[in-house]
Protein backbone atom coordinates (compact mmCIF):
# COMPACT_ATOMS: atom_id res chain seq x y z
CA MET A 1 122.07 111.35 140.95
CA LEU A 2 122.80 112.66 138.21
CA GLN A 3 124.41 110.14 135.63
CA TYR A 4 126.40 111.36 132.25
CA ALA A 5 127.28 108.70 129.47
CA SER A 6 130.57 108.03 128.76
CA VAL A 7 132.55 109.09 125.86
CA VAL A 8 133.26 105.40 125.30
CA GLY A 9 129.67 104.39 125.31
CA LEU A 10 129.06 107.08 122.92
CA VAL A 11 131.03 105.92 120.21
CA LYS A 12 130.07 102.04 120.96
CA THR A 13 126.76 102.66 120.59
CA LEU A 14 127.53 104.62 117.34
CA LEU A 15 129.93 101.85 115.85
CA ILE A 16 127.42 99.55 116.53
CA ILE A 17 124.23 101.74 114.80
CA MET A 18 126.49 102.14 111.75
CA LEU A 19 127.44 98.56 111.58
CA ILE A 20 124.10 97.46 111.51
CA TYR A 21 122.88 100.11 108.79
CA PHE A 22 125.87 99.11 106.68
CA GLY A 23 125.14 95.65 106.91
CA VAL A 24 121.79 95.84 106.06
CA LYS A 25 122.83 98.13 103.10
CA ILE A 26 125.19 95.62 101.84
CA LEU A 27 123.42 92.29 102.19
CA SER A 28 120.06 94.11 100.46
CA ARG A 29 122.70 95.29 97.76
CA LEU A 30 123.47 90.82 97.41
CA PHE A 31 119.90 89.72 98.25
CA ALA A 32 117.86 92.02 96.14
CA PRO A 33 118.01 90.42 92.52
CA PHE A 34 117.18 87.19 93.97
CA LEU A 35 114.36 88.73 95.41
CA VAL A 36 113.02 90.69 92.78
CA LYS A 37 113.57 87.43 90.65
CA TYR A 38 111.16 85.94 93.01
CA VAL A 39 108.44 88.48 93.13
CA ALA A 40 108.53 88.75 89.20
CA LYS A 41 108.18 85.02 88.95
CA LYS A 42 105.08 84.81 91.24
CA ALA A 43 103.61 87.58 89.83
CA GLU A 44 104.08 85.99 86.22
CA GLN A 45 102.44 82.79 87.78
CA ARG A 46 99.64 84.66 89.06
CA PHE A 47 98.61 86.79 85.89
CA GLY A 48 99.35 83.43 83.49
CA ASP A 49 96.42 81.52 86.08
CA GLN A 50 94.24 84.29 85.53
CA PHE A 51 94.81 84.71 81.91
CA GLY A 52 94.77 80.53 81.40
CA GLN A 53 91.28 80.89 83.23
CA PHE A 54 90.09 82.93 80.21
CA GLN A 55 91.67 80.77 77.82
CA ARG A 56 89.95 77.39 79.18
CA LYS A 57 86.62 78.97 79.84
CA PRO A 58 85.29 78.67 76.07
CA GLN A 59 86.89 75.01 75.72
CA GLN A 60 85.05 74.19 78.53
CA GLU A 61 81.53 74.95 77.19
CA LYS A 62 80.03 72.58 74.56
CA PRO A 63 80.85 73.10 70.51
CA LYS A 64 78.39 74.95 68.81
CA ARG A 65 77.36 74.52 65.50
CA GLU A 66 77.77 76.60 62.84
CA GLY A 67 75.16 79.65 62.93
CA GLU A 68 74.20 79.26 66.22
CA VAL A 69 73.50 82.17 68.29
CA THR A 70 73.50 82.22 71.90
CA ILE A 71 72.78 85.28 74.53
CA ASP A 72 75.12 84.99 77.76
CA LYS A 73 73.98 88.46 78.72
CA ILE A 74 70.42 89.46 79.81
CA PRO A 75 69.80 93.02 78.93
CA ASN A 76 68.43 95.18 81.11
CA THR A 77 64.97 96.48 80.87
CA LYS A 78 64.25 99.85 81.38
CA THR A 79 60.93 100.77 81.82
CA SER A 80 59.57 104.17 80.39
CA ASN A 81 57.39 106.36 81.96
CA ASN A 82 54.58 107.04 79.60
CA ASP A 83 52.47 109.22 81.95
CA VAL A 84 54.32 112.61 82.11
CA GLY A 85 52.17 114.68 80.87
CA ASP A 86 50.10 116.24 78.06
CA TYR A 87 52.15 117.23 75.00
CA VAL A 88 51.35 121.39 74.28
CA ASP A 89 51.87 122.82 70.94
CA PHE A 90 53.18 126.29 71.44
CA GLU A 91 53.38 129.21 68.49
CA GLU A 92 55.06 132.33 68.57
CA VAL A 93 53.19 135.30 69.50
CA GLU A 94 54.79 138.56 67.62
């Protein structure tokens, strides 16, 4: 048994889809500025917190006397391989 969609049902479905589409479009234009402000404020807070951590870090350490030197990083020690062979001096032969 074959059923055909009625023209009225098709038009009603298309109107509902268009109504939802335009409704979302209008609401997004109304609420987009508030959403962008909220996201920008949150990003600013996060960046400010990260920047504040770097600013507070030196203040937490004890004050240093004038001329005092501290090294915070241990340098990488590279071992050189001196056992690579003998040096041979070459002379050009003409």
